[in-house]
Amino acid sequence: MNRYVVVAAALSLALTGGCGSGGSSSSSGGGSKKLTLIQGIANEPFYISMYCGAKAEAARLGAHLSVQAPAQWDVAQQTQVVTSVAASRPDAVLIAPVDKDAMAGPVRQLTGNGSKVVFVDTELADQSVGLSRVSSDNRLGGRLAAQTLAKQIGDRGKVMVLAPTRGIATTDDRVAGFKEEIAKHPGIALASEQYPGDDAGKATELVNGELSKNPDLAGVFASNLVTGEGSAASLKQANKVGKVKLIEFDASPKQVEDLRAGTIQGLISQEPLEIGRQGVDQAVNALEGKTVTKHIQTRLVAVTKDNVDSPDIAKYLYKQTC
């Protein structure tokens, strides 16, 4: 989840087959089933990778897949996208809601217009909405981040955690899992829990402030790409790269580059291609009257400098284009 330049009017961006921003788009497949993927934000490697998996699976099943996304991680912008998609009445919608409560009303527009709804990556708190939920086990991911950070700092020292904002299902669970696991390490103290919004500059300010209060800070867990970007910038400014260990969620090309360079010590990577593939499978199953799996959890892995070039890790590294 990241933030990018807002296009005029800040309405939806529809991704092209190459996964860039542009006008309306559809993937291959000329079948009668019409599916739409509504991402959390445009041009973000996690969602690009999800689209790649969904696109390939839709083509395999003979379905028609279009994809849209707001320019920013924002309830108002995603609501406009959902309203537009609801008016087009696709057979099924795969959606990553940007807020687990605030997006409930807009998502009901989709079901009210007859579209089957499958949640991918994020979801709503209301379990009565949506036929299937496909995501990583984010609480487990938070625990894995804590274990990785604990190892990096020798099981001792002060750490901080950052998340964009409360109310996002995925990052809420990552923070909860991180705190659960860190509590099992008596030599580690959670010094700070911060919410800078989807704003890398604000994340930089918060980490700068924490370093001023706790110059002996040992580690940082950034629960999404944006907070990771801001954290890395702060550590560079303070000449603390490598001295303060940084663990981030996701594995974009830039994050992998920073991992190899030593700016980041660990990445908790998901399987966005698999999330996209499974989402399409469940949507098509629903349309064909087949069994739909209510909850599907995909795998996570800790990526470090030691294993980043392993063939087994390659599928966990995100794409910039399909």
C-alpha atoms as a PDB file:
ATOM      1  CA  MET A   1       0.000   0.000   0.000  1.00  0.00           C
ATOM      2  CA  ASN A   2       1.559   3.198  -1.066  1.00  0.00           C
ATOM      3  CA  ARG A   3       0.696   6.731  -2.206  1.00  0.00           C
ATOM      4  CA  TYR A   4       1.349   8.205  -5.617  1.00  0.00           C
ATOM      5  CA  VAL A   5       0.537  11.359  -7.527  1.00  0.00           C
ATOM      6  CA  VAL A   6      -3.177  12.120  -7.647  1.00  0.00           C
ATOM      7  CA  VAL A   7      -4.602  12.462 -11.137  1.00  0.00           C
ATOM      8  CA  ALA A   8      -7.003  15.238 -11.992  1.00  0.00           C
ATOM      9  CA  ALA A   9     -10.342  14.862 -10.235  1.00  0.00           C
ATOM     10  CA  ALA A  10      -8.839  11.973  -8.201  1.00  0.00           C
ATOM     11  CA  LEU A  11     -11.218   9.464  -9.668  1.00  0.00           C
ATOM     12  CA  SER A  12     -10.373   5.880 -10.553  1.00  0.00           C
ATOM     13  CA  LEU A  13      -7.346   4.794 -12.471  1.00  0.00           C
ATOM     14  CA  ALA A  14      -7.790   1.776 -14.692  1.00  0.00           C
ATOM     15  CA  LEU A  15      -4.663  -0.209 -15.337  1.00  0.00           C
ATOM     16  CA  THR A  16      -3.541  -1.253 -18.765  1.00  0.00           C
ATOM     17  CA  GLY A  17      -2.515  -4.783 -19.617  1.00  0.00           C
ATOM     18  CA  GLY A  18       1.051  -3.733 -18.733  1.00  0.00           C
ATOM     19  CA  CYS A  19      -0.191  -2.706 -15.285  1.00  0.00           C
ATOM     20  CA  GLY A  20       0.553   0.981 -15.637  1.00  0.00           C
ATOM     21  CA  SER A  21      -1.887   3.824 -15.154  1.00  0.00           C
ATOM     22  CA  GLY A  22      -4.083   4.989 -17.965  1.00  0.00           C
ATOM     23  CA  GLY A  23      -7.587   4.708 -19.362  1.00  0.00           C
ATOM     24  CA  SER A  24     -10.098   1.910 -19.034  1.00  0.00           C
ATOM     25  CA  SER A  25      -8.686  -1.527 -19.451  1.00  0.00           C
ATOM     26  CA  SER A  26      -9.432  -5.213 -19.653  1.00  0.00           C
ATOM     27  CA  SER A  27      -7.372  -8.353 -19.695  1.00  0.00           C
ATOM     28  CA  SER A  28      -7.410 -11.182 -22.144  1.00  0.00           C
ATOM     29  CA  GLY A  29     -10.312 -13.559 -22.314  1.00  0.00           C
ATOM     30  CA  GLY A  30     -13.492 -13.128 -24.317  1.00  0.00           C
ATOM     31  CA  GLY A  31     -15.767 -15.258 -22.172  1.00  0.00           C
ATOM     32  CA  SER A  32     -19.190 -14.203 -20.985  1.00  0.00           C
ATOM     33  CA  LYS A  33     -18.175 -13.894 -17.319  1.00  0.00           C
ATOM     34  CA  LYS A  34     -17.275 -10.280 -16.585  1.00  0.00           C
ATOM     35  CA  LEU A  35     -15.039  -9.714 -13.578  1.00  0.00           C
ATOM     36  CA  THR A  36     -13.639  -6.482 -12.147  1.00  0.00           C
ATOM     37  CA  LEU A  37     -10.681  -6.181  -9.784  1.00  0.00           C
ATOM     38  CA  ILE A  38     -10.762  -3.057  -7.577  1.00  0.00           C
ATOM     39  CA  GLN A  39      -7.344  -2.556  -6.044  1.00  0.00           C
ATOM     40  CA  GLY A  40      -6.471  -0.585  -2.934  1.00  0.00           C
ATOM     41  CA  ILE A  41      -4.262   1.811  -4.873  1.00  0.00           C
ATOM     42  CA  ALA A  42      -2.926   2.170  -8.408  1.00  0.00           C
ATOM     43  CA  ASN A  43       0.639   1.468  -9.527  1.00  0.00           C
ATOM     44  CA  GLU A  44       1.718  -0.323  -6.344  1.00  0.00           C
ATOM     45  CA  PRO A  45       3.849  -3.457  -6.922  1.00  0.00           C
ATOM     46  CA  PHE A  46       1.794  -5.622  -4.557  1.00  0.00           C
ATOM     47  CA  TYR A  47      -1.419  -4.871  -6.439  1.00  0.00           C
ATOM     48  CA  ILE A  48       0.281  -5.045  -9.822  1.00  0.00           C
ATOM     49  CA  SER A  49       1.444  -8.541  -8.896  1.00  0.00           C
ATOM     50  CA  MET A  50      -2.062  -9.452  -7.720  1.00  0.00           C
ATOM     51  CA  TYR A  51      -3.439  -8.258 -11.045  1.00  0.00           C
ATOM     52  CA  CYS A  52      -0.883 -10.371 -12.903  1.00  0.00           C
ATOM     53  CA  GLY A  53      -2.071 -13.494 -11.090  1.00  0.00           C
ATOM     54  CA  ALA A  54      -5.737 -12.619 -11.600  1.00  0.00           C
ATOM     55  CA  LYS A  55      -5.188 -11.775 -15.266  1.00  0.00           C
ATOM     56  CA  ALA A  56      -3.504 -15.092 -16.026  1.00  0.00           C
ATOM     57  CA  GLU A  57      -6.207 -17.075 -14.218  1.00  0.00           C
ATOM     58  CA  ALA A  58      -9.062 -15.183 -15.891  1.00  0.00           C
ATOM     59  CA  ALA A  59      -7.513 -15.875 -19.281  1.00  0.00           C
ATOM     60  CA  ARG A  60      -7.156 -19.556 -18.413  1.00  0.00           C
ATOM     61  CA  LEU A  61     -10.813 -19.767 -17.405  1.00  0.00           C
ATOM     62  CA  GLY A  62     -12.079 -17.760 -20.389  1.00  0.00           C
ATOM     63  CA  ALA A  63     -13.340 -14.869 -18.272  1.00  0.00           C
ATOM     64  CA  HIS A  64     -13.063 -11.140 -19.005  1.00  0.00           C
ATOM     65  CA  LEU A  65     -11.197  -9.163 -16.325  1.00  0.00           C
ATOM     66  CA  SER A  66     -11.075  -5.380 -15.985  1.00  0.00           C
ATOM     67  CA  VAL A  67      -9.159  -3.586 -13.251  1.00  0.00           C
ATOM     68  CA  GLN A  68      -9.565  -0.232 -11.543  1.00  0.00           C
ATOM     69  CA  ALA A  69      -7.978   1.526  -8.587  1.00  0.00           C
ATOM     70  CA  PRO A  70      -8.029   4.851  -6.776  1.00  0.00           C
ATOM     71  CA  ALA A  71      -4.990   7.077  -7.185  1.00  0.00           C
ATOM     72  CA  GLN A  72      -4.473   7.135  -3.409  1.00  0.00           C
ATOM     73  CA  TRP A  73      -5.284   4.854  -0.482  1.00  0.00           C
ATOM     74  CA  ASP A  74      -8.402   6.818   0.360  1.00  0.00           C
ATOM     75  CA  VAL A  75     -11.994   5.948   1.274  1.00  0.00           C
ATOM     76  CA  ALA A  76     -13.561   8.744  -0.783  1.00  0.00           C
ATOM     77  CA  GLN A  77     -11.570   7.879  -3.885  1.00  0.00           C
ATOM     78  CA  GLN A  78     -12.220   4.154  -3.637  1.00  0.00           C
ATOM     79  CA  THR A  79     -15.913   4.854  -3.037  1.00  0.00           C
ATOM     80  CA  GLN A  80     -16.040   6.723  -6.356  1.00  0.00           C
ATOM     81  CA  VAL A  81     -14.402   3.756  -8.062  1.00  0.00           C
ATOM     82  CA  VAL A  82     -16.877   1.327  -6.469  1.00  0.00           C
ATOM     83  CA  THR A  83     -19.855   3.473  -7.459  1.00  0.00           C
ATOM     84  CA  SER A  84     -18.669   3.537 -11.059  1.00  0.00           C
ATOM     85  CA  VAL A  85     -18.076  -0.215 -11.111  1.00  0.00           C
ATOM     86  CA  ALA A  86     -21.450  -0.920  -9.478  1.00  0.00           C
ATOM     87  CA  ALA A  87     -23.177   1.025 -12.257  1.00  0.00           C
ATOM     88  CA  SER A  88     -21.534  -1.242 -14.863  1.00  0.00           C
ATOM     89  CA  ARG A  89     -22.917  -4.361 -13.092  1.00  0.00           C
ATOM     90  CA  PRO A  90     -20.071  -6.851 -13.593  1.00  0.00           C
ATOM     91  CA  ASP A  91     -20.864 -10.466 -12.794  1.00  0.00           C
ATOM     92  CA  ALA A  92     -18.303 -10.504  -9.990  1.00  0.00           C
ATOM     93  CA  VAL A  93     -15.982  -8.056  -8.251  1.00  0.00           C
ATOM     94  CA  LEU A  94     -12.697  -8.760  -6.507  1.00  0.00           C
ATOM     95  CA  ILE A  95     -12.002  -5.878  -4.120  1.00  0.00           C
ATOM     96  CA  ALA A  96      -9.408  -4.818  -1.556  1.00  0.00           C
ATOM     97  CA  PRO A  97     -11.344  -2.387   0.696  1.00  0.00           C
ATOM     98  CA  VAL A  98      -9.182   0.467   2.005  1.00  0.00           C
ATOM     99  CA  ASP A  99     -11.089   0.545   5.306  1.00  0.00           C
ATOM    100  CA  LYS A 100     -12.758  -2.417   6.991  1.00  0.00           C
ATOM    101  CA  ASP A 101     -15.704  -0.335   8.246  1.00  0.00           C
ATOM    102  CA  ALA A 102     -16.042   2.758   6.050  1.00  0.00           C
ATOM    103  CA  MET A 103     -16.162   0.755   2.800  1.00  0.00           C
ATOM    104  CA  ALA A 104     -19.057  -1.450   3.939  1.00  0.00           C
ATOM    105  CA  GLY A 105     -21.755   0.807   2.440  1.00  0.00           C
ATOM    106  CA  PRO A 106     -20.046   1.209  -0.943  1.00  0.00           C
ATOM    107  CA  VAL A 107     -19.398  -2.535  -1.206  1.00  0.00           C
ATOM    108  CA  ARG A 108     -23.088  -3.187  -0.577  1.00  0.00           C
ATOM    109  CA  GLN A 109     -23.765  -1.184  -3.756  1.00  0.00           C
ATOM    110  CA  LEU A 110     -21.996  -3.967  -5.623  1.00  0.00           C
ATOM    111  CA  THR A 111     -23.991  -6.771  -4.054  1.00  0.00           C
ATOM    112  CA  GLY A 112     -27.193  -4.738  -4.411  1.00  0.00           C
ATOM    113  CA  ASN A 113     -26.585  -4.516  -8.155  1.00  0.00           C
ATOM    114  CA  GLY A 114     -26.163  -8.272  -8.392  1.00  0.00           C
ATOM    115  CA  SER A 115     -22.376  -8.631  -8.441  1.00  0.00           C
ATOM    116  CA  LYS A 116     -20.729 -11.487  -6.556  1.00  0.00           C
ATOM    117  CA  VAL A 117     -18.076 -10.040  -4.222  1.00  0.00           C
ATOM    118  CA  VAL A 118     -14.754 -11.611  -3.268  1.00  0.00           C
ATOM    119  CA  PHE A 119     -12.336  -9.808  -0.947  1.00  0.00           C
ATOM    120  CA  VAL A 120      -8.655  -9.944  -1.856  1.00  0.00           C
ATOM    121  CA  ASP A 121      -5.878  -8.814   0.512  1.00  0.00           C
ATOM    122  CA  THR A 122      -8.062  -6.628   2.764  1.00  0.00           C
ATOM    123  CA  GLU A 123     -11.663  -7.213   3.835  1.00  0.00           C
ATOM    124  CA  LEU A 124     -14.615  -5.763   5.726  1.00  0.00           C
ATOM    125  CA  ALA A 125     -15.276  -6.268   9.412  1.00  0.00           C
ATOM    126  CA  ASP A 126     -18.857  -7.243   8.495  1.00  0.00           C
ATOM    127  CA  GLN A 127     -18.565 -10.957   7.800  1.00  0.00           C
ATOM    128  CA  SER A 128     -22.024 -11.073   6.188  1.00  0.00           C
ATOM    129  CA  VAL A 129     -20.755  -9.227   3.110  1.00  0.00           C
ATOM    130  CA  GLY A 130     -18.724 -11.069   0.484  1.00  0.00           C
ATOM    131  CA  LEU A 131     -18.597 -14.707  -0.530  1.00  0.00           C
ATOM    132  CA  SER A 132     -14.884 -15.333  -0.018  1.00  0.00           C
ATOM    133  CA  ARG A 133     -11.872 -13.708   1.612  1.00  0.00           C
ATOM    134  CA  VAL A 134      -8.439 -14.377   0.133  1.00  0.00           C
ATOM    135  CA  SER A 135      -5.466 -12.904   1.964  1.00  0.00           C
ATOM    136  CA  SER A 136      -2.239 -13.547   3.781  1.00  0.00           C
ATOM    137  CA  ASP A 137      -2.380 -14.474   7.440  1.00  0.00           C
ATOM    138  CA  ASN A 138      -1.365 -10.962   8.431  1.00  0.00           C
ATOM    139  CA  ARG A 139      -1.298 -11.636  12.165  1.00  0.00           C
ATOM    140  CA  LEU A 140       1.160 -14.445  11.458  1.00  0.00           C
ATOM    141  CA  GLY A 141       3.089 -12.019   9.263  1.00  0.00           C
ATOM    142  CA  GLY A 142       3.382  -9.617  12.173  1.00  0.00           C
ATOM    143  CA  ARG A 143       4.687 -12.413  14.389  1.00  0.00           C
ATOM    144  CA  LEU A 144       7.179 -13.394  11.703  1.00  0.00           C
ATOM    145  CA  ALA A 145       8.334  -9.762  11.506  1.00  0.00           C
ATOM    146  CA  ALA A 146       8.886  -9.701  15.272  1.00  0.00           C
ATOM    147  CA  GLN A 147      10.849 -12.952  15.171  1.00  0.00           C
ATOM    148  CA  THR A 148      12.999 -11.657  12.331  1.00  0.00           C
ATOM    149  CA  LEU A 149      13.665  -8.342  14.069  1.00  0.00           C
ATOM    150  CA  ALA A 150      14.419 -10.064  17.375  1.00  0.00           C
ATOM    151  CA  LYS A 151      17.059 -12.176  15.665  1.00  0.00           C
ATOM    152  CA  GLN A 152      18.581  -9.134  13.968  1.00  0.00           C
ATOM    153  CA  ILE A 153      18.959  -7.203  17.256  1.00  0.00           C
ATOM    154  CA  GLY A 154      20.163 -10.119  19.317  1.00  0.00           C
ATOM    155  CA  ASP A 155      16.927 -10.339  21.297  1.00  0.00           C
ATOM    156  CA  ARG A 156      17.645  -7.094  23.156  1.00  0.00           C
ATOM    157  CA  GLY A 157      16.792  -3.425  22.846  1.00  0.00           C
ATOM    158  CA  LYS A 158      14.035  -0.923  22.102  1.00  0.00           C
ATOM    159  CA  VAL A 159      11.907  -1.179  18.979  1.00  0.00           C
ATOM    160  CA  MET A 160       9.114   0.784  17.342  1.00  0.00           C
ATOM    161  CA  VAL A 161       6.300  -0.203  15.004  1.00  0.00           C
ATOM    162  CA  LEU A 162       4.610   1.904  12.335  1.00  0.00           C
ATOM    163  CA  ALA A 163       1.331   1.395  10.480  1.00  0.00           C
ATOM    164  CA  PRO A 164      -0.512   3.809   8.174  1.00  0.00           C
ATOM    165  CA  THR A 165      -3.735   4.175  10.172  1.00  0.00           C
ATOM    166  CA  ARG A 166      -6.061   2.138  12.359  1.00  0.00           C
ATOM    167  CA  GLY A 167      -9.011   0.503  10.593  1.00  0.00           C
ATOM    168  CA  ILE A 168      -7.131  -1.296   7.795  1.00  0.00           C
ATOM    169  CA  ALA A 169      -7.686  -5.015   8.289  1.00  0.00           C
ATOM    170  CA  THR A 170      -4.255  -6.102   7.079  1.00  0.00           C
ATOM    171  CA  THR A 171      -2.040  -3.666   8.969  1.00  0.00           C
ATOM    172  CA  ASP A 172      -4.173  -3.891  12.120  1.00  0.00           C
ATOM    173  CA  ASP A 173      -3.476  -7.617  12.165  1.00  0.00           C
ATOM    174  CA  ARG A 174       0.237  -7.141  11.418  1.00  0.00           C
ATOM    175  CA  VAL A 175       0.640  -4.767  14.352  1.00  0.00           C
ATOM    176  CA  ALA A 176      -1.321  -7.094  16.644  1.00  0.00           C
ATOM    177  CA  GLY A 177       0.793 -10.093  15.643  1.00  0.00           C
ATOM    178  CA  PHE A 178       4.013  -8.128  16.067  1.00  0.00           C
ATOM    179  CA  LYS A 179       3.060  -7.008  19.571  1.00  0.00           C
ATOM    180  CA  GLU A 180       1.984 -10.522  20.564  1.00  0.00           C
ATOM    181  CA  GLU A 181       5.343 -11.954  19.548  1.00  0.00           C
ATOM    182  CA  ILE A 182       7.528  -9.137  20.906  1.00  0.00           C
ATOM    183  CA  ALA A 183       5.874  -9.613  24.305  1.00  0.00           C
ATOM    184  CA  LYS A 184       7.451 -13.091  24.372  1.00  0.00           C
ATOM    185  CA  HIS A 185      10.950 -11.572  24.212  1.00  0.00           C
ATOM    186  CA  PRO A 186      11.722 -10.110  27.677  1.00  0.00           C
ATOM    187  CA  GLY A 187      14.878  -8.401  26.477  1.00  0.00           C
ATOM    188  CA  ILE A 188      12.962  -6.301  23.934  1.00  0.00           C
ATOM    189  CA  ALA A 189      10.844  -3.258  24.825  1.00  0.00           C
ATOM    190  CA  LEU A 190       8.223  -1.761  22.503  1.00  0.00           C
ATOM    191  CA  ALA A 191       9.115   1.918  22.759  1.00  0.00           C
ATOM    192  CA  SER A 192       6.560   3.331  20.341  1.00  0.00           C
ATOM    193  CA  GLU A 193       3.570   2.505  18.121  1.00  0.00           C
ATOM    194  CA  GLN A 194       2.986   5.189  15.490  1.00  0.00           C
ATOM    195  CA  TYR A 195       0.388   5.886  12.782  1.00  0.00           C
ATOM    196  CA  PRO A 196       1.636   8.394  10.171  1.00  0.00           C
ATOM    197  CA  GLY A 197      -1.142   7.785   7.663  1.00  0.00           C
ATOM    198  CA  ASP A 198      -0.187   6.769   4.136  1.00  0.00           C
ATOM    199  CA  ASP A 199       2.507   9.446   4.207  1.00  0.00           C
ATOM    200  CA  ALA A 200       6.191   8.558   3.935  1.00  0.00           C
ATOM    201  CA  GLY A 201       7.251  12.079   4.958  1.00  0.00           C
ATOM    202  CA  LYS A 202       5.262  11.864   8.172  1.00  0.00           C
ATOM    203  CA  ALA A 203       6.715   8.419   8.868  1.00  0.00           C
ATOM    204  CA  THR A 204      10.201   9.926   8.494  1.00  0.00           C
ATOM    205  CA  GLU A 205       9.313  12.639  11.010  1.00  0.00           C
ATOM    206  CA  LEU A 206       8.008  10.101  13.521  1.00  0.00           C
ATOM    207  CA  VAL A 207      11.095   7.908  13.286  1.00  0.00           C
ATOM    208  CA  ASN A 208      13.302  11.000  13.584  1.00  0.00           C
ATOM    209  CA  GLY A 209      11.410  11.913  16.755  1.00  0.00           C
ATOM    210  CA  GLU A 210      11.787   8.441  18.173  1.00  0.00           C
ATOM    211  CA  LEU A 211      15.527   8.448  17.489  1.00  0.00           C
ATOM    212  CA  SER A 212      15.775  11.762  19.364  1.00  0.00           C
ATOM    213  CA  LYS A 213      13.921  10.341  22.376  1.00  0.00           C
ATOM    214  CA  ASN A 214      15.627   6.955  22.212  1.00  0.00           C
ATOM    215  CA  PRO A 215      19.053   7.259  20.567  1.00  0.00           C
ATOM    216  CA  ASP A 216      19.629   3.620  21.513  1.00  0.00           C
ATOM    217  CA  LEU A 217      16.652   2.452  19.408  1.00  0.00           C
ATOM    218  CA  ALA A 218      17.551  -0.998  18.104  1.00  0.00           C
ATOM    219  CA  GLY A 219      14.903  -1.741  15.514  1.00  0.00           C
ATOM    220  CA  VAL A 220      11.886  -0.647  13.492  1.00  0.00           C
ATOM    221  CA  PHE A 221       9.023  -2.662  12.053  1.00  0.00           C
ATOM    222  CA  ALA A 222       7.272  -0.863   9.197  1.00  0.00           C
ATOM    223  CA  SER A 223       4.022  -2.664   8.472  1.00  0.00           C
ATOM    224  CA  ASN A 224       3.567  -1.462   4.889  1.00  0.00           C
ATOM    225  CA  LEU A 225       5.576  -0.100   2.013  1.00  0.00           C
ATOM    226  CA  VAL A 226       4.964   3.592   2.749  1.00  0.00           C
ATOM    227  CA  THR A 227       5.955   3.446   6.406  1.00  0.00           C
ATOM    228  CA  GLY A 228       8.997   1.454   5.324  1.00  0.00           C
ATOM    229  CA  GLU A 229       9.960   4.119   2.807  1.00  0.00           C
ATOM    230  CA  GLY A 230       9.704   6.796   5.478  1.00  0.00           C
ATOM    231  CA  SER A 231      11.605   4.742   8.036  1.00  0.00           C
ATOM    232  CA  ALA A 232      14.464   4.089   5.635  1.00  0.00           C
ATOM    233  CA  ALA A 233      14.706   7.798   4.826  1.00  0.00           C
ATOM    234  CA  SER A 234      14.960   8.642   8.524  1.00  0.00           C
ATOM    235  CA  LEU A 235      17.696   6.092   9.163  1.00  0.00           C
ATOM    236  CA  LYS A 236      19.672   7.463   6.221  1.00  0.00           C
ATOM    237  CA  GLN A 237      19.328  11.026   7.509  1.00  0.00           C
ATOM    238  CA  ALA A 238      20.467   9.985  10.986  1.00  0.00           C
ATOM    239  CA  ASN A 239      23.328   7.845   9.693  1.00  0.00           C
ATOM    240  CA  LYS A 240      21.713   4.860  11.411  1.00  0.00           C
ATOM    241  CA  VAL A 241      21.430   2.507   8.414  1.00  0.00           C
ATOM    242  CA  GLY A 242      22.411  -0.960   9.574  1.00  0.00           C
ATOM    243  CA  LYS A 243      22.777   0.236  13.152  1.00  0.00           C
ATOM    244  CA  VAL A 244      19.014   0.371  13.643  1.00  0.00           C
ATOM    245  CA  LYS A 245      17.600  -2.781  12.090  1.00  0.00           C
ATOM    246  CA  LEU A 246      14.644  -2.282   9.750  1.00  0.00           C
ATOM    247  CA  ILE A 247      12.040  -4.929   8.941  1.00  0.00           C
ATOM    248  CA  GLU A 248       9.372  -4.095   6.360  1.00  0.00           C
ATOM    249  CA  PHE A 249       6.286  -5.775   4.959  1.00  0.00           C
ATOM    250  CA  ASP A 250       6.175  -6.546   1.212  1.00  0.00           C
ATOM    251  CA  ALA A 251       8.900  -7.047  -1.382  1.00  0.00           C
ATOM    252  CA  SER A 252       8.690  -4.462  -4.150  1.00  0.00           C
ATOM    253  CA  PRO A 253      11.630  -4.189  -6.561  1.00  0.00           C
ATOM    254  CA  LYS A 254      12.897  -1.104  -4.677  1.00  0.00           C
ATOM    255  CA  GLN A 255      12.591  -2.848  -1.301  1.00  0.00           C
ATOM    256  CA  VAL A 256      14.533  -5.840  -2.609  1.00  0.00           C
ATOM    257  CA  GLU A 257      17.204  -3.476  -3.926  1.00  0.00           C
ATOM    258  CA  ASP A 258      17.410  -1.818  -0.493  1.00  0.00           C
ATOM    259  CA  LEU A 259      17.620  -5.220   1.180  1.00  0.00           C
ATOM    260  CA  ARG A 260      20.584  -6.189  -0.960  1.00  0.00           C
ATOM    261  CA  ALA A 261      22.212  -2.811  -0.201  1.00  0.00           C
ATOM    262  CA  GLY A 262      21.783  -3.298   3.549  1.00  0.00           C
ATOM    263  CA  THR A 263      19.287  -0.482   4.138  1.00  0.00           C
ATOM    264  CA  ILE A 264      16.658  -3.078   5.112  1.00  0.00           C
ATOM    265  CA  GLN A 265      17.470  -6.223   7.089  1.00  0.00           C
ATOM    266  CA  GLY A 266      14.294  -8.196   6.402  1.00  0.00           C
ATOM    267  CA  LEU A 267      11.142  -8.214   4.270  1.00  0.00           C
ATOM    268  CA  ILE A 268       7.965 -10.082   5.138  1.00  0.00           C
ATOM    269  CA  SER A 269       6.749 -10.997   1.686  1.00  0.00           C
ATOM    270  CA  GLN A 270       3.317 -12.191   0.617  1.00  0.00           C
ATOM    271  CA  GLU A 271       2.023 -14.075  -2.416  1.00  0.00           C
ATOM    272  CA  PRO A 272       0.034 -11.438  -4.327  1.00  0.00           C
ATOM    273  CA  LEU A 273      -0.042 -13.461  -7.551  1.00  0.00           C
ATOM    274  CA  GLU A 274      -1.633 -16.345  -5.664  1.00  0.00           C
ATOM    275  CA  ILE A 275      -4.132 -14.013  -4.002  1.00  0.00           C
ATOM    276  CA  GLY A 276      -5.194 -12.762  -7.439  1.00  0.00           C
ATOM    277  CA  ARG A 277      -5.410 -16.273  -8.843  1.00  0.00           C
ATOM    278  CA  GLN A 278      -7.444 -17.615  -5.943  1.00  0.00           C
ATOM    279  CA  GLY A 279      -9.727 -14.581  -6.029  1.00  0.00           C
ATOM    280  CA  VAL A 280     -10.625 -15.240  -9.657  1.00  0.00           C
ATOM    281  CA  ASP A 281     -11.153 -18.937  -8.934  1.00  0.00           C
ATOM    282  CA  GLN A 282     -13.607 -18.182  -6.135  1.00  0.00           C
ATOM    283  CA  ALA A 283     -15.475 -15.590  -8.197  1.00  0.00           C
ATOM    284  CA  VAL A 284     -15.870 -18.003 -11.120  1.00  0.00           C
ATOM    285  CA  ASN A 285     -16.919 -20.795  -8.755  1.00  0.00           C
ATOM    286  CA  ALA A 286     -19.643 -18.537  -7.372  1.00  0.00           C
ATOM    287  CA  LEU A 287     -20.877 -17.686 -10.860  1.00  0.00           C
ATOM    288  CA  GLU A 288     -20.951 -21.342 -11.882  1.00  0.00           C
ATOM    289  CA  GLY A 289     -22.750 -22.499  -8.737  1.00  0.00           C
ATOM    290  CA  LYS A 290     -19.720 -24.400  -7.475  1.00  0.00           C
ATOM    291  CA  THR A 291     -18.436 -24.538  -3.905  1.00  0.00           C
ATOM    292  CA  VAL A 292     -16.882 -21.280  -2.731  1.00  0.00           C
ATOM    293  CA  THR A 293     -14.258 -21.314   0.011  1.00  0.00           C
ATOM    294  CA  LYS A 294     -15.074 -18.630   2.572  1.00  0.00           C
ATOM    295  CA  HIS A 295     -11.537 -18.043   3.857  1.00  0.00           C
ATOM    296  CA  ILE A 296      -8.280 -18.713   2.029  1.00  0.00           C
ATOM    297  CA  GLN A 297      -4.956 -17.752   3.554  1.00  0.00           C
ATOM    298  CA  THR A 298      -1.855 -17.584   1.401  1.00  0.00           C
ATOM    299  CA  ARG A 299       1.726 -17.971   2.524  1.00  0.00           C
ATOM    300  CA  LEU A 300       4.302 -15.500   3.807  1.00  0.00           C
ATOM    301  CA  VAL A 301       8.069 -15.701   3.994  1.00  0.00           C
ATOM    302  CA  ALA A 302      10.838 -13.714   5.666  1.00  0.00           C
ATOM    303  CA  VAL A 303      13.280 -12.521   3.016  1.00  0.00           C
ATOM    304  CA  THR A 304      16.783 -11.570   4.145  1.00  0.00           C
ATOM    305  CA  LYS A 305      20.072 -10.848   2.428  1.00  0.00           C
ATOM    306  CA  ASP A 306      20.987 -14.491   3.021  1.00  0.00           C
ATOM    307  CA  ASN A 307      18.081 -15.986   1.053  1.00  0.00           C
ATOM    308  CA  VAL A 308      16.913 -13.242  -1.346  1.00  0.00           C
ATOM    309  CA  ASP A 309      18.612 -14.883  -4.341  1.00  0.00           C
ATOM    310  CA  SER A 310      17.321 -18.372  -3.579  1.00  0.00           C
ATOM    311  CA  PRO A 311      15.127 -19.878  -6.332  1.00  0.00           C
ATOM    312  CA  ASP A 312      12.551 -20.733  -3.660  1.00  0.00           C
ATOM    313  CA  ILE A 313      12.144 -17.034  -2.827  1.00  0.00           C
ATOM    314  CA  ALA A 314      11.706 -15.766  -6.389  1.00  0.00           C
ATOM    315  CA  LYS A 315       7.914 -16.240  -6.434  1.00  0.00           C
ATOM    316  CA  TYR A 316       7.592 -14.007  -3.369  1.00  0.00           C
ATOM    317  CA  LEU A 317       9.259 -10.987  -4.998  1.00  0.00           C
ATOM    318  CA  TYR A 318       6.792  -8.531  -6.478  1.00  0.00           C
ATOM    319  CA  LYS A 319       6.473  -7.385 -10.078  1.00  0.00           C
ATOM    320  CA  GLN A 320       6.394  -3.912 -11.585  1.00  0.00           C
ATOM    321  CA  THR A 321       4.745  -5.191 -14.780  1.00  0.00           C
ATOM    322  CA  CYS A 322       3.065  -8.429 -15.824  1.00  0.00           C
END
